[in-house]
Amino acid sequence: MDLRSKLEEIEKSYKEIEAKMADPAVANDPAMMQDLGRKHSEMATVVDAFMHYEEVQKALDGAKELASGGDPEMAEMAKEEILSLEEQLPKIEHEIQVLLLPKDINDDKNVMIEIRGGAGGDEAALFAADLYRMYTMYAERERWGTEMVSSNETGIGGFKEVVFRVTGVGAFSRLKYESGVHRVQRVPETEASGRIHTSTATVAVLPEAADVDGEIRPEDLKIDTYRSSGAGGQHVNKTDSAIRITHLPTGIVCTCQDERSQIKNKAKAMQYLRTKLYDMELQKRDSAMAAKRKGQIGTGDRSERIRTYNFPQNRVTDHRINVTLYKLDQILNGDMEELISLLVEADQAEKLKDLTV
């Protein structure tokens, strides 16, 4: 089916849904109205783009007719309009093709982000803290919410490991490109000789599982309580509020000590476990496409080195798309939109290429 036929089919379905939503019998069925409303909303952007395409095409046909007429002045004006309209059409067509790409079912989900210090000891832990700050500041710019799930701090302000939740529409669609190994090159504050050190941290971005994404049997869980450690005020080391949940069939361990309430910590730890199990299923399901996935942005191996942060040159290089930006200071302060947009565009280009092969 060619692009126009596909768009005409979508437009027809869109109008049929509108007619159903206007039916009083359907209006009295909240579940059906919700389902139809969701489908209508998903199609609206594509239909609007198609209508825009049709308007530009109609204007182009009219301009060509004027250009071939007998009035030289009108013909000259029409030729200028033709150039402008012919320039617009491919851009609109590309926009439509992107809108028609298969949607990642997890794109609108909240996320859990795990950051772990890698090679480099204390410097790696400090870098993990820098990444945590970068993502929370980016989330703030996007007006998303963030909350800590668990952390293992070092005495000098770093994180051996930190897990936090980001909530907001489209969080996974933007942050999924961050999974992988991040490398930093800088002179540590503790380095007297001023030599540049290289350290790493690993980031994993997991789509948050919903309750329907998998059942967890109580008999498969081992739940322990222990006393919180680290910053946390007067309740630290006084109450057994921290929770450790072990999923016996898989060996996955999830902890939470951020809340003073044991009940709240248990709820967070369970959500984290559900997300880890959901992610495990996604990885298993996609393993047959592993070779293809490695060639795509945002779905590659988490052991892959994806980005280098070079402090002396104020440089950030993303190795997947061979892009270097000399604005490391801004990026670490949460100004990540340019970089993420470039990754989104590269990912879309790869997927469009796959569709045309």
Protein backbone atom coordinates (compact mmCIF):
# COMPACT_ATOMS: atom_id res chain seq x y z
CA MET A 1 0.00 0.00 0.00
CA ASP A 2 1.42 3.41 -0.97
CA LEU A 3 1.58 6.33 1.45
CA ARG A 4 -1.48 8.15 0.07
CA SER A 5 -3.68 5.03 0.23
CA LYS A 6 -2.60 4.40 3.80
CA LEU A 7 -3.38 7.99 4.79
CA GLU A 8 -6.78 7.88 3.09
CA GLU A 9 -7.55 4.70 5.03
CA ILE A 10 -6.53 6.37 8.33
CA GLU A 11 -8.68 9.42 7.52
CA LYS A 12 -11.66 7.15 6.79
CA SER A 13 -11.22 5.32 10.12
CA TYR A 14 -10.84 8.66 11.90
CA LYS A 15 -14.19 9.89 10.55
CA GLU A 16 -15.86 6.58 11.43
CA ILE A 17 -14.62 6.93 15.03
CA GLU A 18 -15.95 10.51 15.17
CA ALA A 19 -19.36 9.26 14.01
CA LYS A 20 -19.38 6.53 16.67
CA MET A 21 -18.44 9.01 19.39
CA ALA A 22 -21.45 11.15 18.39
CA ASP A 23 -23.78 8.14 18.79
CA PRO A 24 -25.83 8.52 22.06
CA ALA A 25 -25.59 4.77 22.71
CA VAL A 26 -21.80 4.93 22.67
CA ALA A 27 -21.78 8.14 24.75
CA ASN A 28 -23.45 6.18 27.57
CA ASP A 29 -20.66 3.59 27.59
CA PRO A 30 -17.65 5.19 29.39
CA ALA A 31 -15.25 2.32 28.58
CA MET A 32 -16.05 2.44 24.86
CA MET A 33 -15.84 6.25 24.82
CA GLN A 34 -12.43 6.11 26.48
CA ASP A 35 -11.16 3.55 23.96
CA LEU A 36 -12.53 5.51 20.98
CA GLY A 37 -11.18 8.78 22.41
CA ARG A 38 -7.69 7.27 22.70
CA LYS A 39 -7.78 6.02 19.09
CA HIS A 40 -9.16 9.35 17.88
CA SER A 41 -6.39 11.24 19.65
CA GLU A 42 -3.68 8.94 18.21
CA MET A 43 -4.97 9.44 14.66
CA ALA A 44 -5.59 13.21 14.93
CA THR A 45 -1.96 14.27 14.41
CA VAL A 46 -1.59 12.09 11.30
CA VAL A 47 -4.92 13.26 9.84
CA ASP A 48 -4.04 16.93 10.48
CA ALA A 49 -0.68 16.47 8.74
CA PHE A 50 -2.37 14.72 5.80
CA MET A 51 -4.91 17.56 5.46
CA HIS A 52 -2.04 20.06 5.48
CA TYR A 53 -0.30 18.01 2.78
CA GLU A 54 -3.48 18.00 0.67
CA GLU A 55 -3.89 21.79 1.07
CA VAL A 56 -0.30 22.43 -0.05
CA GLN A 57 -0.70 20.02 -2.99
CA LYS A 58 -3.93 21.77 -4.05
CA ALA A 59 -2.22 25.18 -3.81
CA LEU A 60 0.69 23.84 -5.89
CA ASP A 61 -1.68 22.57 -8.61
CA GLY A 62 -3.38 26.00 -8.67
CA ALA A 63 -0.04 27.83 -8.91
CA LYS A 64 1.07 25.61 -11.81
CA GLU A 65 -2.17 26.38 -13.62
CA LEU A 66 -1.57 30.12 -13.16
CA ALA A 67 2.05 29.76 -14.30
CA SER A 68 0.90 28.26 -17.59
CA GLY A 69 -1.72 30.99 -18.15
CA GLY A 70 -1.48 33.95 -20.47
CA ASP A 71 -0.77 36.67 -17.87
CA PRO A 72 3.04 37.13 -17.62
CA GLU A 73 2.87 39.00 -14.28
CA MET A 74 0.67 36.34 -12.66
CA ALA A 75 2.84 33.61 -14.16
CA GLU A 76 5.97 35.12 -12.56
CA MET A 77 4.29 35.33 -9.14
CA ALA A 78 3.02 31.76 -9.54
CA LYS A 79 6.54 30.47 -10.27
CA GLU A 80 7.81 31.93 -6.97
CA GLU A 81 4.92 30.27 -5.13
CA ILE A 82 5.64 26.95 -6.87
CA LEU A 83 9.23 26.98 -5.58
CA SER A 84 8.02 27.61 -2.02
CA LEU A 85 5.30 24.95 -2.14
CA GLU A 86 7.56 22.33 -3.76
CA GLU A 87 10.00 22.89 -0.91
CA GLN A 88 7.27 22.32 1.70
CA LEU A 89 5.86 19.05 0.34
CA PRO A 90 8.86 16.73 1.06
CA LYS A 91 9.12 18.14 4.60
CA ILE A 92 5.44 17.44 5.29
CA GLU A 93 5.76 13.98 3.73
CA HIS A 94 8.74 13.20 5.97
CA GLU A 95 6.77 14.41 9.01
CA ILE A 96 3.91 12.08 8.07
CA GLN A 97 6.27 9.13 7.60
CA VAL A 98 7.70 9.72 11.07
CA LEU A 99 4.18 9.89 12.54
CA LEU A 100 3.39 6.54 10.88
CA LEU A 101 6.38 4.76 12.42
CA PRO A 102 5.38 1.95 14.81
CA LYS A 103 5.10 3.45 18.30
CA ASP A 104 7.07 2.03 21.20
CA ILE A 105 4.39 0.80 23.62
CA ASN A 106 6.50 2.06 26.53
CA ASP A 107 7.05 5.63 25.26
CA ASP A 108 4.40 7.25 27.47
CA LYS A 109 5.45 5.38 30.60
CA ASN A 110 7.24 6.69 33.66
CA VAL A 111 10.79 5.40 34.13
CA MET A 112 13.14 4.01 36.72
CA ILE A 113 16.75 5.09 36.21
CA GLU A 114 19.66 3.16 37.71
CA ILE A 115 23.09 4.81 37.80
CA ARG A 116 26.11 2.85 39.01
CA GLY A 117 29.68 4.05 39.40
CA GLY A 118 32.01 1.95 37.23
CA ALA A 119 35.77 2.05 36.74
CA GLY A 120 37.47 4.84 38.65
CA GLY A 121 36.70 4.38 42.35
CA ASP A 122 35.70 7.59 44.16
CA GLU A 123 35.86 9.60 40.93
CA ALA A 124 33.37 7.20 39.28
CA ALA A 125 31.01 7.63 42.25
CA LEU A 126 31.27 11.42 41.95
CA PHE A 127 30.51 11.16 38.22
CA ALA A 128 27.45 9.01 39.02
CA ALA A 129 26.28 11.86 41.28
CA ASP A 130 26.86 14.35 38.42
CA LEU A 131 24.69 12.23 36.11
CA TYR A 132 21.96 11.95 38.74
CA ARG A 133 21.94 15.74 39.07
CA MET A 134 21.90 16.17 35.26
CA TYR A 135 18.85 13.92 34.83
CA THR A 136 16.90 15.43 37.73
CA MET A 137 17.57 18.93 36.38
CA TYR A 138 16.48 17.85 32.89
CA ALA A 139 13.31 16.36 34.40
CA GLU A 140 12.66 19.66 36.16
CA ARG A 141 12.97 21.52 32.84
CA GLU A 142 10.44 19.10 31.33
CA ARG A 143 8.16 19.55 34.36
CA TRP A 144 8.39 15.87 35.24
CA GLY A 145 8.44 14.61 38.81
CA THR A 146 11.37 12.76 40.38
CA GLU A 147 11.65 10.69 43.53
CA MET A 148 14.46 8.68 45.06
CA VAL A 149 14.02 4.92 45.35
CA SER A 150 17.37 3.83 46.78
CA SER A 151 20.94 5.04 47.01
CA ASN A 152 24.33 3.90 48.23
CA GLU A 153 26.33 7.04 48.95
CA THR A 154 30.04 7.54 49.45
CA GLY A 155 31.44 9.79 52.13
CA ILE A 156 32.53 12.45 49.62
CA GLY A 157 29.21 13.18 47.93
CA GLY A 158 29.20 10.46 45.29
CA PHE A 159 26.98 7.45 44.60
CA LYS A 160 28.13 3.87 44.28
CA GLU A 161 24.58 3.29 43.07
CA VAL A 162 21.43 5.39 42.86
CA VAL A 163 17.93 4.44 41.66
CA PHE A 164 15.24 7.06 41.11
CA ARG A 165 11.86 7.40 39.44
CA VAL A 166 10.87 9.96 36.80
CA THR A 167 7.15 10.56 36.28
CA GLY A 168 5.65 12.47 33.37
CA VAL A 169 4.07 12.02 29.95
CA GLY A 170 6.69 10.88 27.43
CA ALA A 171 9.46 10.39 30.03
CA PHE A 172 10.59 7.06 28.56
CA SER A 173 10.36 8.34 24.98
CA ARG A 174 13.09 10.91 25.71
CA LEU A 175 15.20 9.23 28.38
CA LYS A 176 15.45 5.76 26.81
CA TYR A 177 18.45 6.91 24.78
CA GLU A 178 20.52 7.28 27.98
CA SER A 179 21.05 3.56 28.67
CA GLY A 180 24.70 2.56 28.36
CA VAL A 181 28.19 3.36 29.64
CA HIS A 182 29.02 7.05 30.17
CA ARG A 183 32.69 8.04 30.34
CA VAL A 184 34.18 11.13 31.99
CA GLN A 185 37.61 12.66 31.40
CA ARG A 186 38.71 15.26 33.96
CA VAL A 187 41.26 16.16 36.62
CA PRO A 188 39.96 14.88 39.99
CA GLU A 189 39.95 17.38 42.84
CA THR A 190 42.12 14.96 44.82
CA GLU A 191 44.74 14.73 42.03
CA ALA A 192 47.73 16.85 43.05
CA SER A 193 49.65 16.42 39.79
CA GLY A 194 46.77 17.65 37.63
CA ARG A 195 46.60 14.53 35.45
CA ILE A 196 43.40 13.80 33.56
CA HIS A 197 41.66 10.63 34.77
CA THR A 198 39.08 8.57 32.90
CA SER A 199 36.18 7.08 34.87
CA THR A 200 32.87 5.51 33.93
CA ALA A 201 29.31 5.12 35.16
CA THR A 202 26.57 2.86 33.81
CA VAL A 203 23.02 4.09 33.24
CA ALA A 204 19.96 1.87 32.76
CA VAL A 205 16.60 3.43 31.90
CA LEU A 206 13.69 1.06 32.56
CA PRO A 207 10.06 1.65 31.56
CA GLU A 208 7.97 1.48 34.70
CA ALA A 209 5.75 -1.57 34.83
CA ALA A 210 2.02 -1.26 35.39
CA ASP A 211 0.17 -3.65 37.69
CA VAL A 212 -1.12 -5.51 34.62
CA ASP A 213 2.37 -6.10 33.20
CA GLY A 214 2.96 -9.20 35.29
CA GLU A 215 1.82 -10.96 38.43
CA ILE A 216 4.22 -11.44 41.34
CA ARG A 217 3.41 -14.33 43.68
CA PRO A 218 3.88 -13.59 47.40
CA GLU A 219 5.56 -16.98 47.92
CA ASP A 220 8.30 -15.93 45.47
CA LEU A 221 9.38 -13.03 47.67
CA LYS A 222 11.76 -12.77 50.63
CA ILE A 223 11.24 -9.45 52.44
CA ASP A 224 13.76 -8.12 54.96
CA THR A 225 13.75 -4.93 57.01
CA TYR A 226 16.86 -3.13 58.15
CA ARG A 227 17.99 0.23 59.45
CA SER A 228 18.55 3.04 56.96
CA SER A 229 22.03 4.47 56.53
CA GLY A 230 23.25 7.80 55.23
CA ALA A 231 21.52 11.16 55.27
CA GLY A 232 17.97 11.07 56.54
CA GLY A 233 17.56 13.01 59.75
CA GLN A 234 16.73 11.80 63.23
CA HIS A 235 15.18 8.49 62.14
CA VAL A 236 18.38 7.17 60.53
CA ASN A 237 19.72 4.05 62.29
CA LYS A 238 16.89 4.21 64.84
CA THR A 239 14.03 2.44 63.05
CA ASP A 240 13.97 -0.62 60.81
CA SER A 241 12.17 1.24 58.00
CA ALA A 242 14.37 0.22 55.05
CA ILE A 243 13.11 -2.66 52.90
CA ARG A 244 14.97 -5.29 50.90
CA ILE A 245 12.88 -7.53 48.61
CA THR A 246 14.45 -10.59 46.98
CA HIS A 247 12.63 -12.24 44.10
CA LEU A 248 13.60 -15.88 44.67
CA PRO A 249 13.02 -17.26 41.11
CA THR A 250 15.30 -14.66 39.48
CA GLY A 251 17.55 -13.55 42.35
CA ILE A 252 16.68 -9.88 41.69
CA VAL A 253 17.11 -7.75 44.82
CA CYS A 254 15.37 -4.38 45.19
CA THR A 255 15.81 -2.04 48.15
CA CYS A 256 14.27 1.22 49.29
CA GLN A 257 15.25 3.32 52.29
CA ASP A 258 14.27 6.78 51.12
CA GLU A 259 11.03 7.03 53.07
CA ARG A 260 10.74 7.00 56.86
CA SER A 261 7.65 4.80 56.54
CA GLN A 262 8.27 1.07 56.14
CA ILE A 263 4.97 0.77 54.23
CA LYS A 264 5.99 3.45 51.72
CA ASN A 265 9.45 1.90 51.29
CA LYS A 266 7.85 -1.50 50.64
CA ALA A 267 5.51 -0.01 48.02
CA LYS A 268 8.44 1.67 46.23
CA ALA A 269 10.59 -1.46 46.38
CA MET A 270 7.71 -3.56 44.96
CA GLN A 271 7.25 -1.10 42.10
CA TYR A 272 10.98 -1.24 41.40
CA LEU A 273 10.89 -5.06 41.41
CA ARG A 274 7.88 -5.12 39.08
CA THR A 275 9.77 -2.78 36.71
CA LYS A 276 12.92 -4.95 36.81
CA LEU A 277 10.90 -8.07 36.00
CA TYR A 278 9.07 -6.28 33.19
CA ASP A 279 12.39 -5.09 31.76
CA MET A 280 13.75 -8.65 31.95
CA GLU A 281 10.78 -9.85 29.90
CA LEU A 282 11.30 -7.07 27.34
CA GLN A 283 14.99 -7.97 26.98
CA LYS A 284 14.08 -11.66 26.57
CA ARG A 285 11.41 -10.86 24.00
CA ASP A 286 13.81 -8.71 21.99
CA SER A 287 16.79 -11.07 22.17
CA ALA A 288 15.94 -12.53 18.75
CA MET A 289 16.46 -9.05 17.30
CA ALA A 290 19.66 -8.36 19.23
CA ALA A 291 21.86 -7.84 16.18
CA LYS A 292 19.40 -5.38 14.69
CA ARG A 293 18.86 -3.61 18.01
CA LYS A 294 22.56 -2.91 18.40
CA GLY A 295 22.41 -0.86 15.23
CA GLN A 296 19.56 1.28 16.54
CA ILE A 297 19.80 4.26 18.82
CA GLY A 298 18.44 3.78 22.32
CA THR A 299 17.90 0.03 22.11
CA GLY A 300 21.49 -1.20 22.08
CA ASP A 301 23.50 -3.15 24.60
CA ARG A 302 23.75 -1.43 28.01
CA SER A 303 27.42 -2.41 28.17
CA GLU A 304 28.10 -0.22 25.11
CA ARG A 305 30.04 3.01 25.66
CA ILE A 306 27.67 5.66 24.41
CA ARG A 307 29.03 9.04 25.50
CA THR A 308 32.18 10.86 26.67
CA TYR A 309 32.16 13.96 28.89
CA ASN A 310 35.49 15.81 28.52
CA PHE A 311 35.87 18.58 31.12
CA PRO A 312 39.10 20.25 29.89
CA GLN A 313 37.48 20.89 26.47
CA ASN A 314 33.93 21.47 27.81
CA ARG A 315 32.96 18.74 25.32
CA VAL A 316 30.30 16.04 25.16
CA THR A 317 30.59 13.43 22.41
CA ASP A 318 27.85 10.90 21.66
CA HIS A 319 29.56 7.99 19.92
CA ARG A 320 26.38 6.45 18.49
CA ILE A 321 25.65 9.42 16.24
CA ASN A 322 29.18 10.91 16.06
CA VAL A 323 28.02 14.26 17.44
CA THR A 324 30.15 16.56 19.59
CA LEU A 325 28.74 19.55 21.46
CA TYR A 326 30.99 22.05 23.24
CA LYS A 327 28.51 22.77 26.02
CA LEU A 328 29.30 20.21 28.69
CA ASP A 329 28.60 22.70 31.49
CA GLN A 330 25.10 23.40 30.13
CA ILE A 331 24.32 19.72 29.55
CA LEU A 332 25.35 18.78 33.09
CA ASN A 333 22.96 21.50 34.28
CA GLY A 334 20.08 19.69 32.58
CA ASP A 335 20.13 21.42 29.17
CA MET A 336 19.94 18.09 27.32
CA GLU A 337 17.20 18.80 24.78
CA GLU A 338 19.48 19.44 21.78
CA LEU A 339 21.39 16.22 22.37
CA ILE A 340 18.27 14.13 22.94
CA SER A 341 16.56 15.62 19.87
CA LEU A 342 19.55 14.62 17.73
CA LEU A 343 19.29 11.06 19.09
CA VAL A 344 15.54 10.96 18.38
CA GLU A 345 16.13 12.13 14.79
CA ALA A 346 18.87 9.54 14.26
CA ASP A 347 16.63 6.80 15.65
CA GLN A 348 13.77 7.84 13.38
CA ALA A 349 16.09 7.90 10.36
CA GLU A 350 17.21 4.32 11.12
CA LYS A 351 13.62 3.14 11.43
CA LEU A 352 12.58 4.90 8.20
CA LYS A 353 15.52 3.23 6.46
CA ASP A 354 14.30 -0.17 7.71
CA LEU A 355 10.81 0.52 6.35
CA THR A 356 12.11 1.34 2.88
CA VAL A 357 14.51 -1.62 2.57
